[in-house]
Amino acid sequence: MQASEREYAYFEKMLELVYENEGLKRQNEELKTENRTLNAKLEKAYDFMRQFTINGMNMLEQFLRSIGEWVQQNVAGLSR
């Protein structure tokens, strides 16, 4: 392969990588936007759950406690 052919191949590969990089940047921005939207919805759900109480504990605290208990039980089950 001559030097000019090799340079052309490198140039083509560089262009391919530049286009791929631009696509990944776009995808990353889309995911950041989606993440912000989902975090906002989650915060609204948490605010809603804080309004109601069960056994003297608001729904959010009850939910987080039950999730913690579930995780502990399942992690304990994995270590057996």
PDB file of N, CA and C in Angstrom:
ATOM      1  N   MET A   1       0.847  -1.166   0.000  1.00  0.00           N
ATOM      2  CA  MET A   1       0.000   0.000   0.000  1.00  0.00           C
ATOM      3  C   MET A   1       0.901   1.240   0.000  1.00  0.00           C
ATOM      4  N   GLN A   2       0.637   2.108  -0.892  1.00  0.00           N
ATOM      5  CA  GLN A   2       1.426   3.327  -0.994  1.00  0.00           C
ATOM      6  C   GLN A   2       1.026   4.316   0.098  1.00  0.00           C
ATOM      7  N   ALA A   3       1.888   5.303   0.318  1.00  0.00           N
ATOM      8  CA  ALA A   3       1.652   6.295   1.358  1.00  0.00           C
ATOM      9  C   ALA A   3       0.341   7.040   1.117  1.00  0.00           C
ATOM     10  N   SER A   4       0.057   7.410  -0.103  1.00  0.00           N
ATOM     11  CA  SER A   4      -1.169   8.163  -0.378  1.00  0.00           C
ATOM     12  C   SER A   4      -2.421   7.304  -0.139  1.00  0.00           C
ATOM     13  N   GLU A   5      -2.342   6.015  -0.457  1.00  0.00           N
ATOM     14  CA  GLU A   5      -3.471   5.115  -0.191  1.00  0.00           C
ATOM     15  C   GLU A   5      -3.689   4.960   1.315  1.00  0.00           C
ATOM     16  N   ARG A   6      -2.573   4.853   2.043  1.00  0.00           N
ATOM     17  CA  ARG A   6      -2.641   4.715   3.488  1.00  0.00           C
ATOM     18  C   ARG A   6      -3.222   5.997   4.107  1.00  0.00           C
ATOM     19  N   GLU A   7      -2.788   7.147   3.629  1.00  0.00           N
ATOM     20  CA  GLU A   7      -3.306   8.423   4.114  1.00  0.00           C
ATOM     21  C   GLU A   7      -4.802   8.538   3.825  1.00  0.00           C
ATOM     22  N   TYR A   8      -5.223   8.112   2.649  1.00  0.00           N
ATOM     23  CA  TYR A   8      -6.637   8.151   2.297  1.00  0.00           C
ATOM     24  C   TYR A   8      -7.447   7.232   3.219  1.00  0.00           C
ATOM     25  N   ALA A   9      -6.900   6.039   3.504  1.00  0.00           N
ATOM     26  CA  ALA A   9      -7.584   5.094   4.394  1.00  0.00           C
ATOM     27  C   ALA A   9      -7.707   5.687   5.797  1.00  0.00           C
ATOM     28  N   TYR A  10      -6.644   6.339   6.269  1.00  0.00           N
ATOM     29  CA  TYR A  10      -6.694   6.984   7.588  1.00  0.00           C
ATOM     30  C   TYR A  10      -7.714   8.123   7.596  1.00  0.00           C
ATOM     31  N   PHE A  11      -7.742   8.880   6.534  1.00  0.00           N
ATOM     32  CA  PHE A  11      -8.692   9.988   6.422  1.00  0.00           C
ATOM     33  C   PHE A  11     -10.125   9.464   6.442  1.00  0.00           C
ATOM     34  N   GLU A  12     -10.395   8.409   5.703  1.00  0.00           N
ATOM     35  CA  GLU A  12     -11.726   7.799   5.683  1.00  0.00           C
ATOM     36  C   GLU A  12     -12.117   7.307   7.081  1.00  0.00           C
ATOM     37  N   LYS A  13     -11.168   6.652   7.759  1.00  0.00           N
ATOM     38  CA  LYS A  13     -11.441   6.146   9.102  1.00  0.00           C
ATOM     39  C   LYS A  13     -11.709   7.311  10.055  1.00  0.00           C
ATOM     40  N   MET A  14     -10.936   8.394   9.918  1.00  0.00           N
ATOM     41  CA  MET A  14     -11.124   9.563  10.760  1.00  0.00           C
ATOM     42  C   MET A  14     -12.517  10.154  10.544  1.00  0.00           C
ATOM     43  N   LEU A  15     -12.938  10.275   9.284  1.00  0.00           N
ATOM     44  CA  LEU A  15     -14.277  10.792   9.002  1.00  0.00           C
ATOM     45  C   LEU A  15     -15.353   9.899   9.618  1.00  0.00           C
ATOM     46  N   GLU A  16     -15.173   8.609   9.488  1.00  0.00           N
ATOM     47  CA  GLU A  16     -16.125   7.658  10.066  1.00  0.00           C
ATOM     48  C   GLU A  16     -16.232   7.859  11.579  1.00  0.00           C
ATOM     49  N   LEU A  17     -15.087   8.037  12.236  1.00  0.00           N
ATOM     50  CA  LEU A  17     -15.079   8.229  13.680  1.00  0.00           C
ATOM     51  C   LEU A  17     -15.680   9.567  14.080  1.00  0.00           C
ATOM     52  N   VAL A  18     -15.457  10.602  13.277  1.00  0.00           N
ATOM     53  CA  VAL A  18     -16.046  11.914  13.555  1.00  0.00           C
ATOM     54  C   VAL A  18     -17.566  11.822  13.487  1.00  0.00           C
ATOM     55  N   TYR A  19     -18.099  11.162  12.458  1.00  0.00           N
ATOM     56  CA  TYR A  19     -19.554  11.006  12.335  1.00  0.00           C
ATOM     57  C   TYR A  19     -20.118  10.173  13.489  1.00  0.00           C
ATOM     58  N   GLU A  20     -19.411   9.110  13.834  1.00  0.00           N
ATOM     59  CA  GLU A  20     -19.856   8.270  14.949  1.00  0.00           C
ATOM     60  C   GLU A  20     -19.865   9.081  16.249  1.00  0.00           C
ATOM     61  N   ASN A  21     -18.816   9.875  16.455  1.00  0.00           N
ATOM     62  CA  ASN A  21     -18.717  10.701  17.649  1.00  0.00           C
ATOM     63  C   ASN A  21     -19.871  11.706  17.721  1.00  0.00           C
ATOM     64  N   GLU A  22     -20.200  12.331  16.601  1.00  0.00           N
ATOM     65  CA  GLU A  22     -21.316  13.278  16.568  1.00  0.00           C
ATOM     66  C   GLU A  22     -22.631  12.589  16.913  1.00  0.00           C
ATOM     67  N   GLY A  23     -22.809  11.397  16.376  1.00  0.00           N
ATOM     68  CA  GLY A  23     -24.021  10.631  16.688  1.00  0.00           C
ATOM     69  C   GLY A  23     -24.098  10.285  18.166  1.00  0.00           C
ATOM     70  N   LEU A  24     -22.967   9.918  18.752  1.00  0.00           N
ATOM     71  CA  LEU A  24     -22.939   9.585  20.176  1.00  0.00           C
ATOM     72  C   LEU A  24     -23.184  10.824  21.043  1.00  0.00           C
ATOM     73  N   LYS A  25     -22.679  11.962  20.612  1.00  0.00           N
ATOM     74  CA  LYS A  25     -22.935  13.202  21.347  1.00  0.00           C
ATOM     75  C   LYS A  25     -24.429  13.524  21.336  1.00  0.00           C
ATOM     76  N   ARG A  26     -25.067  13.365  20.182  1.00  0.00           N
ATOM     77  CA  ARG A  26     -26.506  13.609  20.064  1.00  0.00           C
ATOM     78  C   ARG A  26     -27.291  12.652  20.963  1.00  0.00           C
ATOM     79  N   GLN A  27     -26.906  11.390  20.902  1.00  0.00           N
ATOM     80  CA  GLN A  27     -27.586  10.386  21.721  1.00  0.00           C
ATOM     81  C   GLN A  27     -27.406  10.698  23.210  1.00  0.00           C
ATOM     82  N   ASN A  28     -26.213  11.114  23.587  1.00  0.00           N
ATOM     83  CA  ASN A  28     -25.938  11.461  24.975  1.00  0.00           C
ATOM     84  C   ASN A  28     -26.812  12.624  25.433  1.00  0.00           C
ATOM     85  N   GLU A  29     -26.967  13.632  24.606  1.00  0.00           N
ATOM     86  CA  GLU A  29     -27.823  14.773  24.949  1.00  0.00           C
ATOM     87  C   GLU A  29     -29.279  14.347  25.090  1.00  0.00           C
ATOM     88  N   GLU A  30     -29.733  13.455  24.202  1.00  0.00           N
ATOM     89  CA  GLU A  30     -31.103  12.952  24.293  1.00  0.00           C
ATOM     90  C   GLU A  30     -31.313  12.199  25.606  1.00  0.00           C
ATOM     91  N   LEU A  31     -30.322  11.398  25.994  1.00  0.00           N
ATOM     92  CA  LEU A  31     -30.430  10.639  27.240  1.00  0.00           C
ATOM     93  C   LEU A  31     -30.384  11.556  28.457  1.00  0.00           C
ATOM     94  N   LYS A  32     -29.587  12.612  28.389  1.00  0.00           N
ATOM     95  CA  LYS A  32     -29.557  13.579  29.485  1.00  0.00           C
ATOM     96  C   LYS A  32     -30.918  14.250  29.640  1.00  0.00           C
ATOM     97  N   THR A  33     -31.535  14.612  28.521  1.00  0.00           N
ATOM     98  CA  THR A  33     -32.855  15.238  28.559  1.00  0.00           C
ATOM     99  C   THR A  33     -33.883  14.274  29.139  1.00  0.00           C
ATOM    100  N   GLU A  34     -33.847  13.029  28.683  1.00  0.00           N
ATOM    101  CA  GLU A  34     -34.768  12.016  29.199  1.00  0.00           C
ATOM    102  C   GLU A  34     -34.549  11.807  30.696  1.00  0.00           C
ATOM    103  N   ASN A  35     -33.301  11.790  31.116  1.00  0.00           N
ATOM    104  CA  ASN A  35     -32.973  11.607  32.529  1.00  0.00           C
ATOM    105  C   ASN A  35     -33.531  12.752  33.372  1.00  0.00           C
ATOM    106  N   ARG A  36     -33.382  13.988  32.881  1.00  0.00           N
ATOM    107  CA  ARG A  36     -33.930  15.136  33.616  1.00  0.00           C
ATOM    108  C   ARG A  36     -35.452  15.024  33.732  1.00  0.00           C
ATOM    109  N   THR A  37     -36.106  14.614  32.648  1.00  0.00           N
ATOM    110  CA  THR A  37     -37.558  14.452  32.652  1.00  0.00           C
ATOM    111  C   THR A  37     -37.983  13.374  33.649  1.00  0.00           C
ATOM    112  N   LEU A  38     -37.287  12.252  33.640  1.00  0.00           N
ATOM    113  CA  LEU A  38     -37.633  11.160  34.553  1.00  0.00           C
ATOM    114  C   LEU A  38     -37.371  11.549  36.003  1.00  0.00           C
ATOM    115  N   ASN A  39     -36.288  12.272  36.245  1.00  0.00           N
ATOM    116  CA  ASN A  39     -36.015  12.727  37.615  1.00  0.00           C
ATOM    117  C   ASN A  39     -37.091  13.681  38.097  1.00  0.00           C
ATOM    118  N   ALA A  40     -37.574  14.553  37.237  1.00  0.00           N
ATOM    119  CA  ALA A  40     -38.638  15.483  37.600  1.00  0.00           C
ATOM    120  C   ALA A  40     -39.924  14.711  37.929  1.00  0.00           C
ATOM    121  N   LYS A  41     -40.253  13.693  37.127  1.00  0.00           N
ATOM    122  CA  LYS A  41     -41.443  12.881  37.392  1.00  0.00           C
ATOM    123  C   LYS A  41     -41.302  12.123  38.707  1.00  0.00           C
ATOM    124  N   LEU A  42     -40.110  11.601  38.971  1.00  0.00           N
ATOM    125  CA  LEU A  42     -39.867  10.874  40.214  1.00  0.00           C
ATOM    126  C   LEU A  42     -40.018  11.801  41.407  1.00  0.00           C
ATOM    127  N   GLU A  43     -39.508  13.004  41.290  1.00  0.00           N
ATOM    128  CA  GLU A  43     -39.627  13.976  42.379  1.00  0.00           C
ATOM    129  C   GLU A  43     -41.098  14.328  42.631  1.00  0.00           C
ATOM    130  N   LYS A  44     -41.890  14.450  41.558  1.00  0.00           N
ATOM    131  CA  LYS A  44     -43.326  14.709  41.718  1.00  0.00           C
ATOM    132  C   LYS A  44     -44.006  13.545  42.422  1.00  0.00           C
ATOM    133  N   ALA A  45     -43.618  12.317  42.055  1.00  0.00           N
ATOM    134  CA  ALA A  45     -44.199  11.137  42.699  1.00  0.00           C
ATOM    135  C   ALA A  45     -43.823  11.112  44.175  1.00  0.00           C
ATOM    136  N   TYR A  46     -42.568  11.439  44.486  1.00  0.00           N
ATOM    137  CA  TYR A  46     -42.143  11.501  45.888  1.00  0.00           C
ATOM    138  C   TYR A  46     -42.938  12.563  46.643  1.00  0.00           C
ATOM    139  N   ASP A  47     -43.117  13.737  46.041  1.00  0.00           N
ATOM    140  CA  ASP A  47     -43.899  14.806  46.685  1.00  0.00           C
ATOM    141  C   ASP A  47     -45.324  14.339  46.956  1.00  0.00           C
ATOM    142  N   PHE A  48     -45.929  13.633  45.996  1.00  0.00           N
ATOM    143  CA  PHE A  48     -47.280  13.111  46.157  1.00  0.00           C
ATOM    144  C   PHE A  48     -47.325  12.107  47.309  1.00  0.00           C
ATOM    145  N   MET A  49     -46.340  11.212  47.346  1.00  0.00           N
ATOM    146  CA  MET A  49     -46.325  10.167  48.366  1.00  0.00           C
ATOM    147  C   MET A  49     -46.103  10.748  49.765  1.00  0.00           C
ATOM    148  N   ARG A  50     -45.410  11.875  49.861  1.00  0.00           N
ATOM    149  CA  ARG A  50     -45.163  12.501  51.163  1.00  0.00           C
ATOM    150  C   ARG A  50     -46.463  13.042  51.791  1.00  0.00           C
ATOM    151  N   GLN A  51     -47.488  13.233  50.968  1.00  0.00           N
ATOM    152  CA  GLN A  51     -48.740  13.822  51.449  1.00  0.00           C
ATOM    153  C   GLN A  51     -49.592  12.855  52.270  1.00  0.00           C
ATOM    154  N   PHE A  52     -49.369  11.574  52.132  1.00  0.00           N
ATOM    155  CA  PHE A  52     -50.224  10.580  52.763  1.00  0.00           C
ATOM    156  C   PHE A  52     -49.452   9.788  53.803  1.00  0.00           C
ATOM    157  N   THR A  53     -50.131   9.459  54.895  1.00  0.00           N
ATOM    158  CA  THR A  53     -49.471   8.708  55.961  1.00  0.00           C
ATOM    159  C   THR A  53     -50.113   7.338  56.140  1.00  0.00           C
ATOM    160  N   ILE A  54     -49.267   6.386  56.507  1.00  0.00           N
ATOM    161  CA  ILE A  54     -49.693   5.020  56.835  1.00  0.00           C
ATOM    162  C   ILE A  54     -48.988   4.662  58.133  1.00  0.00           C
ATOM    163  N   ASN A  55     -49.748   4.342  59.166  1.00  0.00           N
ATOM    164  CA  ASN A  55     -49.183   3.998  60.480  1.00  0.00           C
ATOM    165  C   ASN A  55     -48.213   5.073  60.972  1.00  0.00           C
ATOM    166  N   GLY A  56     -48.581   6.341  60.800  1.00  0.00           N
ATOM    167  CA  GLY A  56     -47.763   7.445  61.283  1.00  0.00           C
ATOM    168  C   GLY A  56     -46.543   7.760  60.441  1.00  0.00           C
ATOM    169  N   MET A  57     -46.400   7.086  59.322  1.00  0.00           N
ATOM    170  CA  MET A  57     -45.254   7.300  58.437  1.00  0.00           C
ATOM    171  C   MET A  57     -45.798   7.688  57.067  1.00  0.00           C
ATOM    172  N   ASN A  58     -45.185   8.677  56.409  1.00  0.00           N
ATOM    173  CA  ASN A  58     -45.716   9.033  55.096  1.00  0.00           C
ATOM    174  C   ASN A  58     -45.423   7.919  54.087  1.00  0.00           C
ATOM    175  N   MET A  59     -46.181   7.905  53.006  1.00  0.00           N
ATOM    176  CA  MET A  59     -46.071   6.824  52.016  1.00  0.00           C
ATOM    177  C   MET A  59     -44.664   6.683  51.468  1.00  0.00           C
ATOM    178  N   LEU A  60     -43.965   7.799  51.289  1.00  0.00           N
ATOM    179  CA  LEU A  60     -42.602   7.732  50.761  1.00  0.00           C
ATOM    180  C   LEU A  60     -41.691   7.007  51.738  1.00  0.00           C
ATOM    181  N   GLU A  61     -41.763   7.377  53.021  1.00  0.00           N
ATOM    182  CA  GLU A  61     -40.933   6.693  54.016  1.00  0.00           C
ATOM    183  C   GLU A  61     -41.269   5.203  54.071  1.00  0.00           C
ATOM    184  N   GLN A  62     -42.570   4.892  54.024  1.00  0.00           N
ATOM    185  CA  GLN A  62     -43.004   3.490  54.042  1.00  0.00           C
ATOM    186  C   GLN A  62     -42.477   2.745  52.817  1.00  0.00           C
ATOM    187  N   PHE A  63     -42.578   3.379  51.658  1.00  0.00           N
ATOM    188  CA  PHE A  63     -42.095   2.778  50.417  1.00  0.00           C
ATOM    189  C   PHE A  63     -40.595   2.530  50.484  1.00  0.00           C
ATOM    190  N   LEU A  64     -39.842   3.547  50.898  1.00  0.00           N
ATOM    191  CA  LEU A  64     -38.381   3.400  50.966  1.00  0.00           C
ATOM    192  C   LEU A  64     -37.979   2.333  51.983  1.00  0.00           C
ATOM    193  N   ARG A  65     -38.712   2.255  53.103  1.00  0.00           N
ATOM    194  CA  ARG A  65     -38.417   1.218  54.095  1.00  0.00           C
ATOM    195  C   ARG A  65     -38.678  -0.174  53.517  1.00  0.00           C
ATOM    196  N   SER A  66     -39.803  -0.320  52.810  1.00  0.00           N
ATOM    197  CA  SER A  66     -40.121  -1.639  52.246  1.00  0.00           C
ATOM    198  C   SER A  66     -39.117  -2.031  51.163  1.00  0.00           C
ATOM    199  N   ILE A  67     -38.669  -1.058  50.378  1.00  0.00           N
ATOM    200  CA  ILE A  67     -37.643  -1.352  49.365  1.00  0.00           C
ATOM    201  C   ILE A  67     -36.353  -1.785  50.042  1.00  0.00           C
ATOM    202  N   GLY A  68     -35.980  -1.078  51.109  1.00  0.00           N
ATOM    203  CA  GLY A  68     -34.769  -1.440  51.858  1.00  0.00           C
ATOM    204  C   GLY A  68     -34.862  -2.844  52.420  1.00  0.00           C
ATOM    205  N   GLU A  69     -36.022  -3.195  52.981  1.00  0.00           N
ATOM    206  CA  GLU A  69     -36.226  -4.543  53.513  1.00  0.00           C
ATOM    207  C   GLU A  69     -36.152  -5.581  52.405  1.00  0.00           C
ATOM    208  N   TRP A  70     -36.757  -5.275  51.258  1.00  0.00           N
ATOM    209  CA  TRP A  70     -36.728  -6.215  50.122  1.00  0.00           C
ATOM    210  C   TRP A  70     -35.290  -6.445  49.666  1.00  0.00           C
ATOM    211  N   VAL A  71     -34.521  -5.374  49.566  1.00  0.00           N
ATOM    212  CA  VAL A  71     -33.122  -5.492  49.133  1.00  0.00           C
ATOM    213  C   VAL A  71     -32.334  -6.335  50.129  1.00  0.00           C
ATOM    214  N   GLN A  72     -32.531  -6.070  51.417  1.00  0.00           N
ATOM    215  CA  GLN A  72     -31.807  -6.839  52.436  1.00  0.00           C
ATOM    216  C   GLN A  72     -32.146  -8.320  52.352  1.00  0.00           C
ATOM    217  N   GLN A  73     -33.416  -8.637  52.170  1.00  0.00           N
ATOM    218  CA  GLN A  73     -33.819 -10.043  52.090  1.00  0.00           C
ATOM    219  C   GLN A  73     -33.215 -10.714  50.856  1.00  0.00           C
ATOM    220  N   ASN A  74     -33.224 -10.023  49.730  1.00  0.00           N
ATOM    221  CA  ASN A  74     -32.724 -10.624  48.510  1.00  0.00           C
ATOM    222  C   ASN A  74     -31.203 -10.687  48.488  1.00  0.00           C
ATOM    223  N   VAL A  75     -30.537  -9.727  49.060  1.00  0.00           N
ATOM    224  CA  VAL A  75     -29.077  -9.776  49.145  1.00  0.00           C
ATOM    225  C   VAL A  75     -28.667 -10.888  50.095  1.00  0.00           C
ATOM    226  N   ALA A  76     -29.387 -11.034  51.204  1.00  0.00           N
ATOM    227  CA  ALA A  76     -29.092 -12.094  52.152  1.00  0.00           C
ATOM    228  C   ALA A  76     -29.290 -13.459  51.484  1.00  0.00           C
ATOM    229  N   GLY A  77     -30.320 -13.559  50.631  1.00  0.00           N
ATOM    230  CA  GLY A  77     -30.585 -14.806  49.919  1.00  0.00           C
ATOM    231  C   GLY A  77     -29.490 -15.147  48.928  1.00  0.00           C
ATOM    232  N   LEU A  78     -28.833 -14.128  48.371  1.00  0.00           N
ATOM    233  CA  LEU A  78     -27.759 -14.372  47.413  1.00  0.00           C
ATOM    234  C   LEU A  78     -26.480 -14.851  48.093  1.00  0.00           C
ATOM    235  N   SER A  79     -26.275 -14.473  49.336  1.00  0.00           N
ATOM    236  CA  SER A  79     -25.032 -14.822  50.018  1.00  0.00           C
ATOM    237  C   SER A  79     -25.050 -16.226  50.598  1.00  0.00           C
ATOM    238  N   ARG A  80     -26.196 -16.887  50.521  1.00  0.00           N
ATOM    239  CA  ARG A  80     -26.293 -18.257  51.060  1.00  0.00           C
ATOM    240  C   ARG A  80     -25.672 -19.257  50.157  1.00  0.00           C
TER     241      ARG A  80
END
